[in-house]
């Protein structure tokens, strides 16, 4: 399953967030495709694979102390029924 997490740094947490974003704890069953810093809001974006939603939630939980998180499950556009 492919997930996208949007991270908006909590005011006063910039230095801590920068450290965490550079060195996140990545479990063996998570594959990071992209970890991007953005100019504007959100401040960062993580695109990763996880075997299930529970594993994805566990991975993204670490960012909650320094950023507001918004996680989305993503799928190829062809998998959406309204595109057929």
N, C-alpha and C. Protein backbone atom coordinates (compact mmCIF):
# COMPACT_ATOMS: atom_id res chain seq x y z
N UNK A 1 0.85 -1.17 0.00
CA UNK A 1 0.00 0.00 0.00
C UNK A 1 0.90 1.24 0.00
N UNK A 2 0.52 2.21 -0.80
CA UNK A 2 1.29 3.44 -0.93
C UNK A 2 0.59 4.56 -0.16
N UNK A 3 1.34 5.25 0.69
CA UNK A 3 0.79 6.32 1.52
C UNK A 3 1.54 7.62 1.26
N UNK A 4 0.83 8.73 1.48
CA UNK A 4 1.43 10.07 1.41
C UNK A 4 1.11 10.77 2.72
N UNK A 5 2.15 11.30 3.36
CA UNK A 5 1.97 12.05 4.61
C UNK A 5 2.39 13.49 4.37
N UNK A 6 1.50 14.41 4.71
CA UNK A 6 1.81 15.84 4.66
C UNK A 6 2.17 16.27 6.08
N UNK A 7 3.28 16.96 6.23
CA UNK A 7 3.77 17.38 7.55
C UNK A 7 3.86 18.90 7.61
N UNK A 8 3.16 19.48 8.58
CA UNK A 8 3.22 20.92 8.82
C UNK A 8 3.82 21.11 10.21
N UNK A 9 5.00 21.71 10.25
CA UNK A 9 5.74 21.84 11.51
C UNK A 9 4.97 22.71 12.50
N UNK A 10 4.90 22.24 13.73
CA UNK A 10 4.27 22.99 14.82
C UNK A 10 5.18 24.17 15.17
N UNK A 11 4.62 25.37 15.35
CA UNK A 11 5.45 26.52 15.72
C UNK A 11 6.35 26.20 16.93
N UNK A 12 7.62 26.60 16.82
CA UNK A 12 8.59 26.36 17.87
C UNK A 12 9.29 25.01 17.79
N UNK A 13 8.94 24.19 16.81
CA UNK A 13 9.50 22.85 16.69
C UNK A 13 10.39 22.68 15.46
N UNK A 14 10.80 23.79 14.83
CA UNK A 14 11.54 23.69 13.57
C UNK A 14 12.83 22.89 13.70
N UNK A 15 13.66 23.19 14.69
CA UNK A 15 14.95 22.48 14.82
C UNK A 15 14.74 21.00 15.10
N UNK A 16 13.84 20.69 16.00
CA UNK A 16 13.55 19.29 16.34
C UNK A 16 12.97 18.56 15.11
N UNK A 17 12.07 19.23 14.39
CA UNK A 17 11.48 18.62 13.20
C UNK A 17 12.53 18.36 12.14
N UNK A 18 13.43 19.32 11.95
CA UNK A 18 14.49 19.14 10.96
C UNK A 18 15.35 17.92 11.29
N UNK A 19 15.70 17.77 12.55
CA UNK A 19 16.50 16.59 12.96
C UNK A 19 15.73 15.30 12.70
N UNK A 20 14.45 15.28 13.10
CA UNK A 20 13.65 14.08 12.91
C UNK A 20 13.44 13.77 11.44
N UNK A 21 13.18 14.80 10.63
CA UNK A 21 12.94 14.57 9.20
C UNK A 21 14.19 14.03 8.52
N UNK A 22 15.36 14.44 8.99
CA UNK A 22 16.60 13.95 8.38
C UNK A 22 16.94 12.52 8.80
N UNK A 23 16.48 12.13 9.99
CA UNK A 23 16.82 10.81 10.53
C UNK A 23 15.60 10.13 11.16
N UNK A 24 14.56 9.87 10.38
CA UNK A 24 13.39 9.20 10.95
C UNK A 24 13.71 7.73 11.25
N UNK A 25 12.95 7.16 12.18
CA UNK A 25 13.06 5.73 12.43
C UNK A 25 12.23 5.02 11.36
N UNK A 26 12.92 4.22 10.54
CA UNK A 26 12.25 3.54 9.43
C UNK A 26 12.28 2.03 9.70
N UNK A 27 11.13 1.45 10.04
CA UNK A 27 11.08 0.00 10.26
C UNK A 27 11.41 -0.76 8.98
N UNK A 28 11.80 -2.01 9.13
CA UNK A 28 12.17 -2.85 7.98
C UNK A 28 11.03 -3.03 6.99
N UNK A 29 9.78 -2.96 7.46
CA UNK A 29 8.65 -3.21 6.56
C UNK A 29 8.08 -1.92 5.94
N UNK A 30 8.83 -0.82 6.04
CA UNK A 30 8.46 0.46 5.42
C UNK A 30 9.50 0.79 4.36
N UNK A 31 9.05 1.19 3.17
CA UNK A 31 9.97 1.62 2.13
C UNK A 31 9.64 3.08 1.78
N UNK A 32 10.60 3.97 2.02
CA UNK A 32 10.42 5.38 1.69
C UNK A 32 10.71 5.57 0.20
N UNK A 33 9.77 6.16 -0.52
CA UNK A 33 9.99 6.50 -1.93
C UNK A 33 10.54 7.91 -2.05
N UNK A 34 9.96 8.84 -1.31
CA UNK A 34 10.41 10.23 -1.32
C UNK A 34 10.17 10.84 0.06
N UNK A 35 11.09 11.65 0.51
CA UNK A 35 10.90 12.48 1.71
C UNK A 35 11.34 13.87 1.28
N UNK A 36 10.38 14.75 1.06
CA UNK A 36 10.64 16.03 0.42
C UNK A 36 10.33 17.20 1.36
N UNK A 37 11.22 18.19 1.38
CA UNK A 37 10.92 19.46 2.02
C UNK A 37 10.23 20.34 0.99
N UNK A 38 9.25 21.12 1.42
CA UNK A 38 8.49 21.96 0.51
C UNK A 38 8.62 23.43 0.90
N UNK A 39 8.55 24.30 -0.07
CA UNK A 39 8.51 25.74 0.18
C UNK A 39 7.03 26.11 0.26
N UNK A 40 6.58 26.42 1.45
CA UNK A 40 5.15 26.67 1.67
C UNK A 40 4.58 25.61 2.57
N UNK A 41 3.27 25.58 2.67
CA UNK A 41 2.60 24.60 3.53
C UNK A 41 1.97 23.52 2.69
N UNK A 42 2.08 22.27 3.06
CA UNK A 42 2.79 21.75 4.21
C UNK A 42 4.30 21.93 4.06
N UNK A 43 5.02 21.67 5.14
CA UNK A 43 6.47 21.87 5.14
C UNK A 43 7.24 20.69 4.55
N UNK A 44 6.65 19.51 4.60
CA UNK A 44 7.32 18.31 4.09
C UNK A 44 6.27 17.30 3.64
N UNK A 45 6.74 16.37 2.82
CA UNK A 45 5.88 15.33 2.27
C UNK A 45 6.67 14.03 2.26
N UNK A 46 6.02 12.96 2.71
CA UNK A 46 6.65 11.64 2.70
C UNK A 46 5.78 10.70 1.88
N UNK A 47 6.37 10.05 0.92
CA UNK A 47 5.68 9.04 0.12
C UNK A 47 6.35 7.71 0.46
N UNK A 48 5.55 6.77 0.97
CA UNK A 48 6.14 5.51 1.42
C UNK A 48 5.18 4.34 1.23
N UNK A 49 5.76 3.14 1.24
CA UNK A 49 4.98 1.91 1.17
C UNK A 49 4.98 1.26 2.53
N UNK A 50 3.81 0.72 2.90
CA UNK A 50 3.66 -0.06 4.13
C UNK A 50 2.73 -1.23 3.81
N UNK A 51 2.87 -2.32 4.55
CA UNK A 51 2.03 -3.48 4.25
C UNK A 51 0.56 -3.27 4.59
N UNK A 52 0.25 -2.34 5.51
CA UNK A 52 -1.13 -2.10 5.91
C UNK A 52 -1.24 -0.74 6.60
N UNK A 53 -2.49 -0.32 6.85
CA UNK A 53 -2.73 0.99 7.44
C UNK A 53 -2.21 1.08 8.88
N UNK A 54 -2.28 0.00 9.63
CA UNK A 54 -1.78 0.03 11.01
C UNK A 54 -0.28 0.29 11.05
N UNK A 55 0.46 -0.33 10.16
CA UNK A 55 1.90 -0.12 10.08
C UNK A 55 2.21 1.32 9.65
N UNK A 56 1.44 1.83 8.70
CA UNK A 56 1.62 3.22 8.25
C UNK A 56 1.37 4.18 9.40
N UNK A 57 0.32 3.94 10.18
CA UNK A 57 0.00 4.81 11.31
C UNK A 57 1.11 4.76 12.36
N UNK A 58 1.63 3.59 12.62
CA UNK A 58 2.72 3.44 13.59
C UNK A 58 3.96 4.23 13.14
N UNK A 59 4.28 4.17 11.85
CA UNK A 59 5.43 4.90 11.31
C UNK A 59 5.23 6.41 11.42
N UNK A 60 4.05 6.90 11.03
CA UNK A 60 3.81 8.34 11.02
C UNK A 60 3.64 8.93 12.42
N UNK A 61 3.34 8.10 13.40
CA UNK A 61 3.14 8.56 14.77
C UNK A 61 4.36 9.34 15.29
N UNK A 62 5.56 8.94 14.89
CA UNK A 62 6.77 9.61 15.37
C UNK A 62 6.83 11.08 15.01
N UNK A 63 6.15 11.49 13.94
CA UNK A 63 6.19 12.87 13.50
C UNK A 63 5.21 13.77 14.26
N UNK A 64 4.28 13.17 14.98
CA UNK A 64 3.23 13.91 15.66
C UNK A 64 3.70 14.84 16.75
N UNK A 65 4.88 14.62 17.29
CA UNK A 65 5.37 15.51 18.35
C UNK A 65 5.95 16.81 17.81
N UNK A 66 6.26 16.86 16.51
CA UNK A 66 6.86 18.07 15.93
C UNK A 66 6.05 18.65 14.77
N UNK A 67 5.04 17.93 14.31
CA UNK A 67 4.29 18.40 13.13
C UNK A 67 2.85 17.90 13.17
N UNK A 68 1.99 18.66 12.54
CA UNK A 68 0.65 18.18 12.27
C UNK A 68 0.76 17.26 11.07
N UNK A 69 0.15 16.09 11.16
CA UNK A 69 0.26 15.12 10.07
C UNK A 69 -1.10 14.90 9.41
N UNK A 70 -1.04 14.66 8.13
CA UNK A 70 -2.23 14.29 7.37
C UNK A 70 -1.81 13.16 6.44
N UNK A 71 -2.36 11.99 6.65
CA UNK A 71 -1.95 10.80 5.90
C UNK A 71 -3.06 10.38 4.94
N UNK A 72 -2.66 10.06 3.73
CA UNK A 72 -3.61 9.60 2.70
C UNK A 72 -3.10 8.30 2.10
N UNK A 73 -4.02 7.40 1.82
CA UNK A 73 -3.72 6.21 1.04
C UNK A 73 -3.78 6.62 -0.42
N UNK A 74 -2.79 6.23 -1.19
CA UNK A 74 -2.81 6.58 -2.62
C UNK A 74 -2.86 5.32 -3.46
N UNK A 75 -3.46 5.46 -4.63
CA UNK A 75 -3.59 4.34 -5.56
C UNK A 75 -3.38 4.86 -6.97
N UNK A 76 -2.97 3.98 -7.88
CA UNK A 76 -2.88 4.40 -9.28
C UNK A 76 -4.25 4.89 -9.76
N UNK A 77 -4.27 5.91 -10.56
CA UNK A 77 -5.52 6.50 -11.04
C UNK A 77 -6.38 5.46 -11.76
N UNK A 78 -5.75 4.48 -12.38
CA UNK A 78 -6.50 3.43 -13.09
C UNK A 78 -7.34 2.58 -12.15
N UNK A 79 -6.98 2.55 -10.86
CA UNK A 79 -7.72 1.74 -9.89
C UNK A 79 -9.01 2.41 -9.42
N UNK A 80 -9.18 3.69 -9.71
CA UNK A 80 -10.41 4.37 -9.33
C UNK A 80 -11.51 4.02 -10.33
N UNK A 81 -12.65 3.63 -9.83
CA UNK A 81 -13.73 3.19 -10.71
C UNK A 81 -14.25 4.31 -11.62
N UNK A 82 -14.17 5.55 -11.17
CA UNK A 82 -14.68 6.65 -11.98
C UNK A 82 -13.79 7.01 -13.15
N UNK A 83 -12.63 6.34 -13.28
CA UNK A 83 -11.75 6.64 -14.42
C UNK A 83 -11.89 5.62 -15.54
N UNK A 84 -12.67 4.58 -15.33
CA UNK A 84 -12.80 3.50 -16.31
C UNK A 84 -13.65 3.87 -17.44
